[in-house]
Amino acid sequence: MLEHVLSLLHETEAVRPDISTEHKQQLASIMDGLGRTERIKAIESYLNRTPDANVERLSTILLLS
């Protein structure tokens, strides 16, 4: 999932080079926030209450956290 998001960010910059530095910093902040304890707990909570949750690429996020 993280790899997918990062590739989208690179594509966005290639397609939209006019994106402001402020928006790029906001996106970087979102990416940095993925590894926070409260985010991991939110993912855990979601997975515990959603039996058919799609967990494809989740290991990438958890390993990077």
N, C-alpha and C. Protein backbone atom coordinates (compact mmCIF):
# COMPACT_ATOMS: atom_id res chain seq x y z
N MET A 1 0.82 -1.19 0.00
CA MET A 1 0.00 0.00 0.00
C MET A 1 0.87 1.26 0.00
N LEU A 2 1.85 1.30 0.88
CA LEU A 2 2.73 2.46 0.94
C LEU A 2 3.47 2.64 -0.38
N GLU A 3 3.92 1.53 -0.95
CA GLU A 3 4.61 1.62 -2.23
C GLU A 3 3.69 2.20 -3.29
N HIS A 4 2.44 1.80 -3.25
CA HIS A 4 1.46 2.31 -4.21
C HIS A 4 1.26 3.81 -4.03
N VAL A 5 1.13 4.25 -2.78
CA VAL A 5 0.95 5.67 -2.49
C VAL A 5 2.16 6.46 -2.96
N LEU A 6 3.34 5.95 -2.67
CA LEU A 6 4.56 6.65 -3.10
C LEU A 6 4.65 6.75 -4.62
N SER A 7 4.27 5.68 -5.31
CA SER A 7 4.30 5.75 -6.77
C SER A 7 3.29 6.76 -7.29
N LEU A 8 2.13 6.85 -6.63
CA LEU A 8 1.13 7.86 -7.02
C LEU A 8 1.66 9.27 -6.81
N LEU A 9 2.39 9.46 -5.72
CA LEU A 9 2.97 10.78 -5.46
C LEU A 9 3.98 11.17 -6.54
N HIS A 10 4.80 10.21 -6.95
CA HIS A 10 5.78 10.49 -8.00
C HIS A 10 5.07 10.79 -9.32
N GLU A 11 4.02 10.03 -9.63
CA GLU A 11 3.26 10.28 -10.85
C GLU A 11 2.59 11.64 -10.80
N THR A 12 2.06 11.99 -9.64
CA THR A 12 1.40 13.28 -9.49
C THR A 12 2.38 14.42 -9.74
N GLU A 13 3.56 14.30 -9.21
CA GLU A 13 4.56 15.36 -9.41
C GLU A 13 4.95 15.46 -10.88
N ALA A 14 5.02 14.32 -11.56
CA ALA A 14 5.36 14.34 -12.98
C ALA A 14 4.24 14.97 -13.81
N VAL A 15 3.01 14.68 -13.43
CA VAL A 15 1.86 15.20 -14.18
C VAL A 15 1.52 16.62 -13.77
N ARG A 16 1.71 16.91 -12.48
CA ARG A 16 1.36 18.23 -11.93
C ARG A 16 2.56 18.88 -11.26
N PRO A 17 3.53 19.31 -12.05
CA PRO A 17 4.71 19.93 -11.44
C PRO A 17 4.41 21.25 -10.73
N ASP A 18 3.18 21.76 -10.91
CA ASP A 18 2.79 23.02 -10.28
C ASP A 18 2.30 22.86 -8.84
N ILE A 19 2.34 21.64 -8.32
CA ILE A 19 1.91 21.42 -6.93
C ILE A 19 2.84 22.20 -6.01
N SER A 20 2.24 22.93 -5.10
CA SER A 20 3.03 23.80 -4.23
C SER A 20 3.85 23.00 -3.23
N THR A 21 4.87 23.64 -2.72
CA THR A 21 5.71 23.02 -1.70
C THR A 21 4.88 22.71 -0.46
N GLU A 22 3.93 23.58 -0.14
CA GLU A 22 3.07 23.35 1.02
C GLU A 22 2.27 22.06 0.87
N HIS A 23 1.73 21.82 -0.32
CA HIS A 23 0.97 20.59 -0.54
C HIS A 23 1.89 19.36 -0.48
N LYS A 24 3.08 19.50 -1.01
CA LYS A 24 4.04 18.39 -0.93
C LYS A 24 4.38 18.08 0.53
N GLN A 25 4.53 19.12 1.35
CA GLN A 25 4.83 18.92 2.77
C GLN A 25 3.65 18.26 3.48
N GLN A 26 2.43 18.64 3.11
CA GLN A 26 1.25 18.01 3.71
C GLN A 26 1.20 16.52 3.37
N LEU A 27 1.49 16.18 2.13
CA LEU A 27 1.51 14.78 1.73
C LEU A 27 2.61 14.01 2.48
N ALA A 28 3.77 14.63 2.62
CA ALA A 28 4.87 13.99 3.36
C ALA A 28 4.47 13.76 4.81
N SER A 29 3.76 14.71 5.39
CA SER A 29 3.29 14.58 6.77
C SER A 29 2.32 13.41 6.92
N ILE A 30 1.45 13.26 5.95
CA ILE A 30 0.51 12.12 5.97
C ILE A 30 1.29 10.81 5.93
N MET A 31 2.29 10.74 5.06
CA MET A 31 3.09 9.52 4.95
C MET A 31 3.83 9.23 6.25
N ASP A 32 4.39 10.27 6.86
CA ASP A 32 5.11 10.09 8.13
C ASP A 32 4.17 9.61 9.23
N GLY A 33 2.93 10.04 9.17
CA GLY A 33 1.95 9.69 10.20
C GLY A 33 1.47 8.26 10.14
N LEU A 34 1.73 7.56 9.05
CA LEU A 34 1.23 6.19 8.92
C LEU A 34 1.81 5.25 9.98
N GLY A 35 3.01 5.52 10.45
CA GLY A 35 3.64 4.63 11.41
C GLY A 35 3.36 4.96 12.86
N ARG A 36 2.57 5.96 13.13
CA ARG A 36 2.28 6.33 14.51
C ARG A 36 1.44 5.27 15.19
N THR A 37 1.62 5.17 16.49
CA THR A 37 0.93 4.16 17.28
C THR A 37 -0.58 4.23 17.10
N GLU A 38 -1.14 5.43 17.11
CA GLU A 38 -2.60 5.54 16.97
C GLU A 38 -3.08 5.08 15.60
N ARG A 39 -2.26 5.24 14.57
CA ARG A 39 -2.64 4.76 13.24
C ARG A 39 -2.61 3.23 13.21
N ILE A 40 -1.58 2.66 13.82
CA ILE A 40 -1.48 1.20 13.86
C ILE A 40 -2.66 0.63 14.64
N LYS A 41 -3.03 1.27 15.75
CA LYS A 41 -4.17 0.81 16.54
C LYS A 41 -5.47 0.93 15.75
N ALA A 42 -5.60 1.97 14.95
CA ALA A 42 -6.80 2.13 14.11
C ALA A 42 -6.87 1.02 13.07
N ILE A 43 -5.73 0.68 12.48
CA ILE A 43 -5.69 -0.43 11.52
C ILE A 43 -6.06 -1.73 12.21
N GLU A 44 -5.49 -1.96 13.39
CA GLU A 44 -5.79 -3.17 14.17
C GLU A 44 -7.28 -3.25 14.49
N SER A 45 -7.85 -2.16 14.92
CA SER A 45 -9.27 -2.12 15.26
C SER A 45 -10.12 -2.45 14.04
N TYR A 46 -9.79 -1.84 12.92
CA TYR A 46 -10.53 -2.10 11.68
C TYR A 46 -10.45 -3.58 11.30
N LEU A 47 -9.24 -4.14 11.36
CA LEU A 47 -9.07 -5.54 10.98
C LEU A 47 -9.82 -6.48 11.92
N ASN A 48 -9.88 -6.14 13.20
CA ASN A 48 -10.57 -6.98 14.16
C ASN A 48 -12.09 -6.99 13.96
N ARG A 49 -12.63 -5.89 13.47
CA ARG A 49 -14.10 -5.86 13.30
C ARG A 49 -14.55 -6.09 11.86
N THR A 50 -13.60 -6.28 10.92
CA THR A 50 -13.94 -6.50 9.52
C THR A 50 -13.34 -7.83 9.07
N PRO A 51 -14.13 -8.90 9.12
CA PRO A 51 -13.60 -10.23 8.82
C PRO A 51 -13.06 -10.39 7.39
N ASP A 52 -13.62 -9.68 6.43
CA ASP A 52 -13.18 -9.83 5.04
C ASP A 52 -12.34 -8.64 4.57
N ALA A 53 -11.62 -8.03 5.49
CA ALA A 53 -10.80 -6.86 5.14
C ALA A 53 -9.70 -7.24 4.16
N ASN A 54 -9.44 -6.36 3.22
CA ASN A 54 -8.37 -6.56 2.25
C ASN A 54 -7.04 -6.16 2.91
N VAL A 55 -6.17 -7.13 3.10
CA VAL A 55 -4.89 -6.87 3.78
C VAL A 55 -3.71 -6.92 2.82
N GLU A 56 -4.02 -6.89 1.53
CA GLU A 56 -2.96 -6.90 0.53
C GLU A 56 -2.04 -5.70 0.75
N ARG A 57 -0.77 -5.93 0.81
CA ARG A 57 0.28 -4.91 1.00
C ARG A 57 0.32 -4.31 2.41
N LEU A 58 -0.48 -4.80 3.31
CA LEU A 58 -0.46 -4.27 4.68
C LEU A 58 0.87 -4.56 5.36
N SER A 59 1.47 -5.68 5.05
CA SER A 59 2.76 -6.02 5.69
C SER A 59 3.82 -4.96 5.40
N THR A 60 3.77 -4.34 4.24
CA THR A 60 4.74 -3.28 3.91
C THR A 60 4.63 -2.13 4.89
N ILE A 61 3.40 -1.71 5.17
CA ILE A 61 3.18 -0.62 6.11
C ILE A 61 3.65 -0.99 7.51
N LEU A 62 3.31 -2.20 7.92
CA LEU A 62 3.67 -2.63 9.27
C LEU A 62 5.18 -2.79 9.43
N LEU A 63 5.85 -3.23 8.39
CA LEU A 63 7.30 -3.39 8.47
C LEU A 63 8.01 -2.04 8.49
N LEU A 64 7.44 -1.04 7.86
CA LEU A 64 8.05 0.27 7.82
C LEU A 64 7.73 1.10 9.05
N SER A 65 6.79 0.64 9.84
CA SER A 65 6.36 1.42 11.02
C SER A 65 7.32 1.30 12.16
